PDB file of N, CA and C in Angstrom:
ATOM      1  N   MET A   1       9.189  -5.713  -0.081  1.00  0.00           N
ATOM      2  CA  MET A   1       8.826  -4.407  -1.425  1.00  0.00           C
ATOM      3  C   MET A   1       7.356  -4.180  -0.593  1.00  0.00           C
ATOM      4  N   GLN A   2       7.296  -2.367  -1.568  1.00  0.00           N
ATOM      5  CA  GLN A   2       6.345  -1.651  -0.763  1.00  0.00           C
ATOM      6  C   GLN A   2       5.956  -1.009  -1.811  1.00  0.00           C
ATOM      7  N   ILE A   3       4.456  -0.386  -2.021  1.00  0.00           N
ATOM      8  CA  ILE A   3       3.477   0.539  -2.469  1.00  0.00           C
ATOM      9  C   ILE A   3       3.166   1.180  -2.076  1.00  0.00           C
ATOM     10  N   ARG A   4       3.510   2.873  -1.954  1.00  0.00           N
ATOM     11  CA  ARG A   4       2.773   3.998  -1.400  1.00  0.00           C
ATOM     12  C   ARG A   4       2.017   5.189  -2.241  1.00  0.00           C
ATOM     13  N   LEU A   5       1.071   4.924  -1.575  1.00  0.00           N
ATOM     14  CA  LEU A   5      -0.557   5.582  -2.607  1.00  0.00           C
ATOM     15  C   LEU A   5      -0.408   6.855  -1.546  1.00  0.00           C
ATOM     16  N   GLU A   6      -0.400   8.105  -2.031  1.00  0.00           N
ATOM     17  CA  GLU A   6      -0.910   9.363  -1.294  1.00  0.00           C
ATOM     18  C   GLU A   6      -2.226  10.530  -1.554  1.00  0.00           C
ATOM     19  N   ASN A   7      -2.415  10.605  -1.123  1.00  0.00           N
ATOM     20  CA  ASN A   7      -3.663  11.481  -1.433  1.00  0.00           C
ATOM     21  C   ASN A   7      -3.284  13.099  -1.504  1.00  0.00           C
ATOM     22  N   ARG A   8      -3.475  13.940  -3.053  1.00  0.00           N
ATOM     23  CA  ARG A   8      -3.136  14.769  -3.096  1.00  0.00           C
ATOM     24  C   ARG A   8      -4.673  16.017  -3.089  1.00  0.00           C
ATOM     25  N   THR A   9      -5.509  15.786  -2.893  1.00  0.00           N
ATOM     26  CA  THR A   9      -6.641  16.525  -3.067  1.00  0.00           C
ATOM     27  C   THR A   9      -7.753  16.156  -1.716  1.00  0.00           C
ATOM     28  N   GLY A  10      -8.271  17.620  -1.465  1.00  0.00           N
ATOM     29  CA  GLY A  10      -9.326  17.955  -0.499  1.00  0.00           C
ATOM     30  C   GLY A  10      -8.929  17.673   1.162  1.00  0.00           C
ATOM     31  N   VAL A  11     -10.080  17.195   1.597  1.00  0.00           N
ATOM     32  CA  VAL A  11      -9.404  17.036   3.066  1.00  0.00           C
ATOM     33  C   VAL A  11      -8.472  15.535   3.198  1.00  0.00           C
ATOM     34  N   ARG A  12      -8.193  15.083   2.823  1.00  0.00           N
ATOM     35  CA  ARG A  12      -7.689  14.160   2.677  1.00  0.00           C
ATOM     36  C   ARG A  12      -6.418  14.405   2.345  1.00  0.00           C
ATOM     37  N   LYS A  13      -5.807  15.692   2.301  1.00  0.00           N
ATOM     38  CA  LYS A  13      -4.562  15.684   1.348  1.00  0.00           C
ATOM     39  C   LYS A  13      -3.399  15.505   2.180  1.00  0.00           C
ATOM     40  N   GLY A  14      -2.622  14.788   1.971  1.00  0.00           N
ATOM     41  CA  GLY A  14      -1.290  14.474   2.687  1.00  0.00           C
ATOM     42  C   GLY A  14      -1.410  13.515   3.583  1.00  0.00           C
ATOM     43  N   ARG A  15      -2.140  12.591   3.373  1.00  0.00           N
ATOM     44  CA  ARG A  15      -2.677  11.054   4.318  1.00  0.00           C
ATOM     45  C   ARG A  15      -1.873   9.861   2.974  1.00  0.00           C
ATOM     46  N   PHE A  16      -1.585   9.297   3.901  1.00  0.00           N
ATOM     47  CA  PHE A  16      -0.844   8.007   2.746  1.00  0.00           C
ATOM     48  C   PHE A  16      -1.854   7.050   2.651  1.00  0.00           C
ATOM     49  N   VAL A  17      -1.675   5.567   2.207  1.00  0.00           N
ATOM     50  CA  VAL A  17      -1.316   3.664   2.412  1.00  0.00           C
ATOM     51  C   VAL A  17      -0.416   3.748   2.609  1.00  0.00           C
ATOM     52  N   LYS A  18       0.195   2.595   2.702  1.00  0.00           N
ATOM     53  CA  LYS A  18       1.554   2.114   2.168  1.00  0.00           C
ATOM     54  C   LYS A  18       1.464   0.618   2.443  1.00  0.00           C
ATOM     55  N   TYR A  19       1.221  -0.380   1.379  1.00  0.00           N
ATOM     56  CA  TYR A  19       1.206  -1.630   1.553  1.00  0.00           C
ATOM     57  C   TYR A  19       2.606  -2.780   1.344  1.00  0.00           C
ATOM     58  N   GLU A  20       3.318  -3.228   2.858  1.00  0.00           N
ATOM     59  CA  GLU A  20       4.327  -3.670   2.777  1.00  0.00           C
ATOM     60  C   GLU A  20       4.021  -5.136   2.228  1.00  0.00           C
ATOM     61  N   TYR A  21       4.776  -6.124   1.522  1.00  0.00           N
ATOM     62  CA  TYR A  21       4.971  -7.544   1.048  1.00  0.00           C
ATOM     63  C   TYR A  21       5.876  -8.235   1.244  1.00  0.00           C
ATOM     64  N   GLY A  22       6.116  -9.057   1.254  1.00  0.00           N
ATOM     65  CA  GLY A  22       7.138 -10.394   1.263  1.00  0.00           C
ATOM     66  C   GLY A  22       6.862 -11.485   1.625  1.00  0.00           C
ATOM     67  N   THR A  23       8.142 -12.147   1.399  1.00  0.00           N
ATOM     68  CA  THR A  23       7.434 -13.649   3.039  1.00  0.00           C
ATOM     69  C   THR A  23       8.565 -13.438   3.837  1.00  0.00           C
ATOM     70  N   ASP A  24       7.989 -14.328   4.923  1.00  0.00           N
ATOM     71  CA  ASP A  24       8.884 -14.678   6.258  1.00  0.00           C
ATOM     72  C   ASP A  24       9.890 -15.032   5.909  1.00  0.00           C
ATOM     73  N   LEU A  25      10.372 -15.942   7.382  1.00  0.00           N
ATOM     74  CA  LEU A  25      11.344 -16.757   7.424  1.00  0.00           C
ATOM     75  C   LEU A  25      11.180 -18.193   7.226  1.00  0.00           C
ATOM     76  N   PHE A  26       9.281 -18.778   7.685  1.00  0.00           N
ATOM     77  CA  PHE A  26       9.311 -19.460   7.496  1.00  0.00           C
ATOM     78  C   PHE A  26       8.386 -19.825   5.415  1.00  0.00           C
ATOM     79  N   GLY A  27       8.384 -18.733   5.237  1.00  0.00           N
ATOM     80  CA  GLY A  27       8.166 -18.602   3.846  1.00  0.00           C
ATOM     81  C   GLY A  27       6.882 -18.425   3.597  1.00  0.00           C
ATOM     82  N   ARG A  28       6.467 -18.163   4.673  1.00  0.00           N
ATOM     83  CA  ARG A  28       4.478 -17.723   4.503  1.00  0.00           C
ATOM     84  C   ARG A  28       4.870 -16.327   3.677  1.00  0.00           C
ATOM     85  N   ILE A  29       3.470 -15.455   2.997  1.00  0.00           N
ATOM     86  CA  ILE A  29       3.649 -14.853   2.029  1.00  0.00           C
ATOM     87  C   ILE A  29       3.020 -13.734   3.517  1.00  0.00           C
ATOM     88  N   TYR A  30       3.147 -12.455   3.560  1.00  0.00           N
ATOM     89  CA  TYR A  30       2.581 -11.135   4.051  1.00  0.00           C
ATOM     90  C   TYR A  30       2.289 -10.032   2.997  1.00  0.00           C
ATOM     91  N   LEU A  31       1.464 -10.190   4.034  1.00  0.00           N
ATOM     92  CA  LEU A  31       1.588  -8.118   3.458  1.00  0.00           C
ATOM     93  C   LEU A  31       0.622  -7.094   4.666  1.00  0.00           C
ATOM     94  N   ASP A  32       1.159  -6.363   4.740  1.00  0.00           N
ATOM     95  CA  ASP A  32       1.443  -5.331   5.934  1.00  0.00           C
ATOM     96  C   ASP A  32       0.135  -3.793   5.770  1.00  0.00           C
ATOM     97  N   LYS A  33      -0.997  -3.339   6.008  1.00  0.00           N
ATOM     98  CA  LYS A  33      -1.489  -2.254   5.220  1.00  0.00           C
ATOM     99  C   LYS A  33      -1.001  -0.899   6.497  1.00  0.00           C
ATOM    100  N   ILE A  34       0.016   0.411   6.231  1.00  0.00           N
ATOM    101  CA  ILE A  34      -0.025   1.278   7.264  1.00  0.00           C
ATOM    102  C   ILE A  34      -0.980   2.423   6.403  1.00  0.00           C
ATOM    103  N   LYS A  35      -1.428   3.321   7.330  1.00  0.00           N
ATOM    104  CA  LYS A  35      -1.831   4.361   7.054  1.00  0.00           C
ATOM    105  C   LYS A  35      -1.703   5.597   7.428  1.00  0.00           C
ATOM    106  N   GLY A  36      -1.639   6.276   7.651  1.00  0.00           N
ATOM    107  CA  GLY A  36      -1.653   7.863   8.530  1.00  0.00           C
ATOM    108  C   GLY A  36      -0.914   9.497   7.678  1.00  0.00           C
ATOM    109  N   ARG A  37      -0.683   9.609   8.258  1.00  0.00           N
ATOM    110  CA  ARG A  37      -0.404  11.429   7.827  1.00  0.00           C
ATOM    111  C   ARG A  37       1.445  11.532   7.836  1.00  0.00           C
ATOM    112  N   GLU A  38       1.846  11.503   8.283  1.00  0.00           N
ATOM    113  CA  GLU A  38       3.454  11.530   9.013  1.00  0.00           C
ATOM    114  C   GLU A  38       4.165  10.037   8.999  1.00  0.00           C
ATOM    115  N   ARG A  39       4.047   9.690   9.976  1.00  0.00           N
ATOM    116  CA  ARG A  39       4.674   8.282  10.400  1.00  0.00           C
ATOM    117  C   ARG A  39       3.566   7.307   9.667  1.00  0.00           C
ATOM    118  N   GLY A  40       2.467   7.175  10.218  1.00  0.00           N
ATOM    119  CA  GLY A  40       1.672   6.089  10.102  1.00  0.00           C
ATOM    120  C   GLY A  40       1.580   4.944  11.189  1.00  0.00           C
ATOM    121  N   LYS A  41       0.343   4.247  10.912  1.00  0.00           N
ATOM    122  CA  LYS A  41       0.608   3.167  11.598  1.00  0.00           C
ATOM    123  C   LYS A  41       0.086   1.884  10.731  1.00  0.00           C
ATOM    124  N   LEU A  42       0.375   0.612  11.710  1.00  0.00           N
ATOM    125  CA  LEU A  42       0.069  -0.718  11.128  1.00  0.00           C
ATOM    126  C   LEU A  42      -1.821  -0.733  11.054  1.00  0.00           C
ATOM    127  N   VAL A  43      -2.408  -0.711   9.895  1.00  0.00           N
ATOM    128  CA  VAL A  43      -3.761  -0.713  10.007  1.00  0.00           C
ATOM    129  C   VAL A  43      -4.305  -2.653  10.265  1.00  0.00           C
ATOM    130  N   ASP A  44      -3.537  -3.205   9.082  1.00  0.00           N
ATOM    131  CA  ASP A  44      -4.090  -4.934   8.821  1.00  0.00           C
ATOM    132  C   ASP A  44      -3.095  -5.249   8.335  1.00  0.00           C
ATOM    133  N   ARG A  45      -2.852  -6.464   8.723  1.00  0.00           N
ATOM    134  CA  ARG A  45      -1.632  -7.995   8.079  1.00  0.00           C
ATOM    135  C   ARG A  45      -1.920  -9.159   7.947  1.00  0.00           C
ATOM    136  N   TRP A  46      -2.022  -8.809   7.107  1.00  0.00           N
ATOM    137  CA  TRP A  46      -2.311 -10.413   5.854  1.00  0.00           C
ATOM    138  C   TRP A  46      -1.286 -11.311   5.996  1.00  0.00           C
ATOM    139  N   LEU A  47      -1.692 -12.753   6.627  1.00  0.00           N
ATOM    140  CA  LEU A  47      -1.136 -13.799   6.052  1.00  0.00           C
ATOM    141  C   LEU A  47      -1.505 -14.858   4.675  1.00  0.00           C
ATOM    142  N   LEU A  48      -0.520 -14.219   3.558  1.00  0.00           N
ATOM    143  CA  LEU A  48      -1.476 -15.319   2.641  1.00  0.00           C
ATOM    144  C   LEU A  48      -0.924 -16.816   2.063  1.00  0.00           C
ATOM    145  N   ASN A  49      -1.836 -17.837   1.804  1.00  0.00           N
ATOM    146  CA  ASN A  49      -1.051 -18.268   1.047  1.00  0.00           C
ATOM    147  C   ASN A  49      -0.220 -18.889   0.140  1.00  0.00           C
ATOM    148  N   ASP A  50      -0.606 -18.347  -0.855  1.00  0.00           N
ATOM    149  CA  ASP A  50       0.137 -18.075  -2.460  1.00  0.00           C
ATOM    150  C   ASP A  50      -0.010 -16.545  -3.032  1.00  0.00           C
ATOM    151  N   PHE A  51       1.078 -16.674  -3.950  1.00  0.00           N
ATOM    152  CA  PHE A  51       1.393 -15.794  -4.587  1.00  0.00           C
ATOM    153  C   PHE A  51      -0.523 -14.674  -5.061  1.00  0.00           C
ATOM    154  N   GLY A  52      -1.638 -16.134  -5.608  1.00  0.00           N
ATOM    155  CA  GLY A  52      -2.754 -16.004  -6.653  1.00  0.00           C
ATOM    156  C   GLY A  52      -3.675 -14.717  -5.509  1.00  0.00           C
ATOM    157  N   SER A  53      -3.530 -14.812  -4.419  1.00  0.00           N
ATOM    158  CA  SER A  53      -3.698 -14.193  -3.261  1.00  0.00           C
ATOM    159  C   SER A  53      -3.830 -12.748  -2.877  1.00  0.00           C
ATOM    160  N   LEU A  54      -2.159 -12.780  -2.728  1.00  0.00           N
ATOM    161  CA  LEU A  54      -1.128 -11.825  -2.815  1.00  0.00           C
ATOM    162  C   LEU A  54      -2.103 -10.499  -4.006  1.00  0.00           C
ATOM    163  N   PHE A  55      -2.482 -10.822  -4.854  1.00  0.00           N
ATOM    164  CA  PHE A  55      -2.419 -10.096  -6.211  1.00  0.00           C
ATOM    165  C   PHE A  55      -4.191  -9.936  -5.691  1.00  0.00           C
ATOM    166  N   ARG A  56      -4.886 -10.481  -5.931  1.00  0.00           N
ATOM    167  CA  ARG A  56      -5.947 -10.305  -5.409  1.00  0.00           C
ATOM    168  C   ARG A  56      -6.599  -9.334  -4.296  1.00  0.00           C
ATOM    169  N   VAL A  57      -5.619  -9.017  -3.448  1.00  0.00           N
ATOM    170  CA  VAL A  57      -6.042  -8.786  -2.151  1.00  0.00           C
ATOM    171  C   VAL A  57      -5.040  -7.193  -2.558  1.00  0.00           C
ATOM    172  N   LEU A  58      -4.334  -7.411  -3.073  1.00  0.00           N
ATOM    173  CA  LEU A  58      -3.806  -6.107  -3.552  1.00  0.00           C
ATOM    174  C   LEU A  58      -4.504  -5.033  -4.471  1.00  0.00           C
ATOM    175  N   ASP A  59      -4.930  -6.061  -5.302  1.00  0.00           N
ATOM    176  CA  ASP A  59      -5.908  -5.642  -6.821  1.00  0.00           C
ATOM    177  C   ASP A  59      -6.654  -4.977  -5.487  1.00  0.00           C
ATOM    178  N   LEU A  60      -7.869  -5.394  -4.817  1.00  0.00           N
ATOM    179  CA  LEU A  60      -9.071  -5.083  -4.216  1.00  0.00           C
ATOM    180  C   LEU A  60      -8.435  -3.730  -3.823  1.00  0.00           C
ATOM    181  N   GLU A  61      -7.402  -3.620  -2.816  1.00  0.00           N
ATOM    182  CA  GLU A  61      -7.048  -2.621  -1.927  1.00  0.00           C
ATOM    183  C   GLU A  61      -6.644  -1.570  -2.940  1.00  0.00           C
ATOM    184  N   ILE A  62      -5.778  -1.195  -3.697  1.00  0.00           N
ATOM    185  CA  ILE A  62      -5.810  -0.072  -4.434  1.00  0.00           C
ATOM    186  C   ILE A  62      -6.532   0.410  -5.098  1.00  0.00           C
ATOM    187  N   TYR A  63      -7.717  -0.982  -5.674  1.00  0.00           N
ATOM    188  CA  TYR A  63      -9.146  -0.294  -6.378  1.00  0.00           C
ATOM    189  C   TYR A  63      -9.937   1.130  -5.423  1.00  0.00           C
ATOM    190  N   LYS A  64      -9.042   0.233  -3.967  1.00  0.00           N
ATOM    191  CA  LYS A  64     -10.464   1.111  -3.083  1.00  0.00           C
ATOM    192  C   LYS A  64      -9.906   2.481  -2.703  1.00  0.00           C
ATOM    193  N   ARG A  65      -8.536   2.265  -2.829  1.00  0.00           N
ATOM    194  CA  ARG A  65      -7.627   3.588  -2.473  1.00  0.00           C
ATOM    195  C   ARG A  65      -8.215   4.314  -4.177  1.00  0.00           C
ATOM    196  N   GLU A  66      -7.800   4.416  -4.860  1.00  0.00           N
ATOM    197  CA  GLU A  66      -8.033   5.199  -6.038  1.00  0.00           C
ATOM    198  C   GLU A  66      -9.083   5.750  -6.649  1.00  0.00           C
ATOM    199  N   VAL A  67     -10.553   5.253  -5.854  1.00  0.00           N
ATOM    200  CA  VAL A  67     -12.320   5.442  -6.261  1.00  0.00           C
ATOM    201  C   VAL A  67     -11.688   6.470  -4.964  1.00  0.00           C
ATOM    202  N   GLU A  68     -10.948   6.562  -3.455  1.00  0.00           N
ATOM    203  CA  GLU A  68     -10.469   7.943  -2.703  1.00  0.00           C
ATOM    204  C   GLU A  68      -9.233   8.854  -3.497  1.00  0.00           C
ATOM    205  N   ASN A  69      -9.593   8.789  -4.654  1.00  0.00           N
ATOM    206  CA  ASN A  69      -8.373   9.791  -5.513  1.00  0.00           C
ATOM    207  C   ASN A  69      -6.631   9.667  -4.796  1.00  0.00           C
ATOM    208  N   TYR A  70      -6.380   8.385  -4.467  1.00  0.00           N
ATOM    209  CA  TYR A  70      -4.986   8.816  -3.869  1.00  0.00           C
ATOM    210  C   TYR A  70      -4.466   8.156  -5.113  1.00  0.00           C
ATOM    211  N   GLU A  71      -3.151   7.996  -5.274  1.00  0.00           N
ATOM    212  CA  GLU A  71      -2.126   8.059  -6.490  1.00  0.00           C
ATOM    213  C   GLU A  71      -0.368   7.467  -6.011  1.00  0.00           C
ATOM    214  N   ASN A  72      -0.339   6.536  -6.781  1.00  0.00           N
ATOM    215  CA  ASN A  72       0.967   5.645  -6.479  1.00  0.00           C
ATOM    216  C   ASN A  72       2.253   7.205  -6.696  1.00  0.00           C
ATOM    217  N   THR A  73       2.789   7.840  -5.562  1.00  0.00           N
ATOM    218  CA  THR A  73       3.874   8.390  -4.995  1.00  0.00           C
ATOM    219  C   THR A  73       5.122   7.739  -6.456  1.00  0.00           C
ATOM    220  N   LEU A  74       5.352   6.580  -6.323  1.00  0.00           N
ATOM    221  CA  LEU A  74       6.941   6.337  -7.208  1.00  0.00           C
ATOM    222  C   LEU A  74       6.678   6.546  -8.772  1.00  0.00           C
ATOM    223  N   LEU A  75       5.891   6.773  -9.092  1.00  0.00           N
ATOM    224  CA  LEU A  75       5.237   7.103 -10.006  1.00  0.00           C
ATOM    225  C   LEU A  75       5.362   8.522 -10.490  1.00  0.00           C
ATOM    226  N   THR A  76       5.255   9.728  -9.448  1.00  0.00           N
ATOM    227  CA  THR A  76       5.089  10.348  -9.477  1.00  0.00           C
ATOM    228  C   THR A  76       6.409  11.376  -9.193  1.00  0.00           C
ATOM    229  N   LYS A  77       7.681  10.564  -8.929  1.00  0.00           N
ATOM    230  CA  LYS A  77       8.561  11.189  -8.711  1.00  0.00           C
ATOM    231  C   LYS A  77       9.072  11.513 -10.250  1.00  0.00           C
ATOM    232  N   PRO A  78      10.587  12.851 -10.093  1.00  0.00           N
ATOM    233  CA  PRO A  78      11.050  12.560 -10.945  1.00  0.00           C
ATOM    234  C   PRO A  78      12.457  11.109 -11.072  1.00  0.00           C
ATOM    235  N   ALA A  79      12.210  11.274 -11.770  1.00  0.00           N
ATOM    236  CA  ALA A  79      13.277   9.722 -12.213  1.00  0.00           C
ATOM    237  C   ALA A  79      15.272  10.649 -11.475  1.00  0.00           C
ATOM    238  N   PHE A  80      15.472  12.156 -12.491  1.00  0.00           N
ATOM    239  CA  PHE A  80      16.580  12.022 -11.828  1.00  0.00           C
ATOM    240  C   PHE A  80      16.223  13.317 -11.272  1.00  0.00           C
ATOM    241  N   ARG A  81      17.662  13.843 -10.542  1.00  0.00           N
ATOM    242  CA  ARG A  81      16.970  15.245  -9.516  1.00  0.00           C
ATOM    243  C   ARG A  81      18.600  15.758  -9.512  1.00  0.00           C
TER     244      ARG A  81
END
């Protein structure tokens, strides 16, 4: 699963942050943070013990990006084309 946030204002226009999360083959929960403009690059990787930790890390990370004017791009796209 993934969450993609994009900045559409000011100097950072066109930059995005993508959070990919899930479980690996061994049942561990992972969270990858990818930043960039066009392709992006892996910045951080977390291995977490439980889903509570995943929610806390995601909550803090998304709050930081919202303060920097990043928006969720999945909500702003039209539902039908």
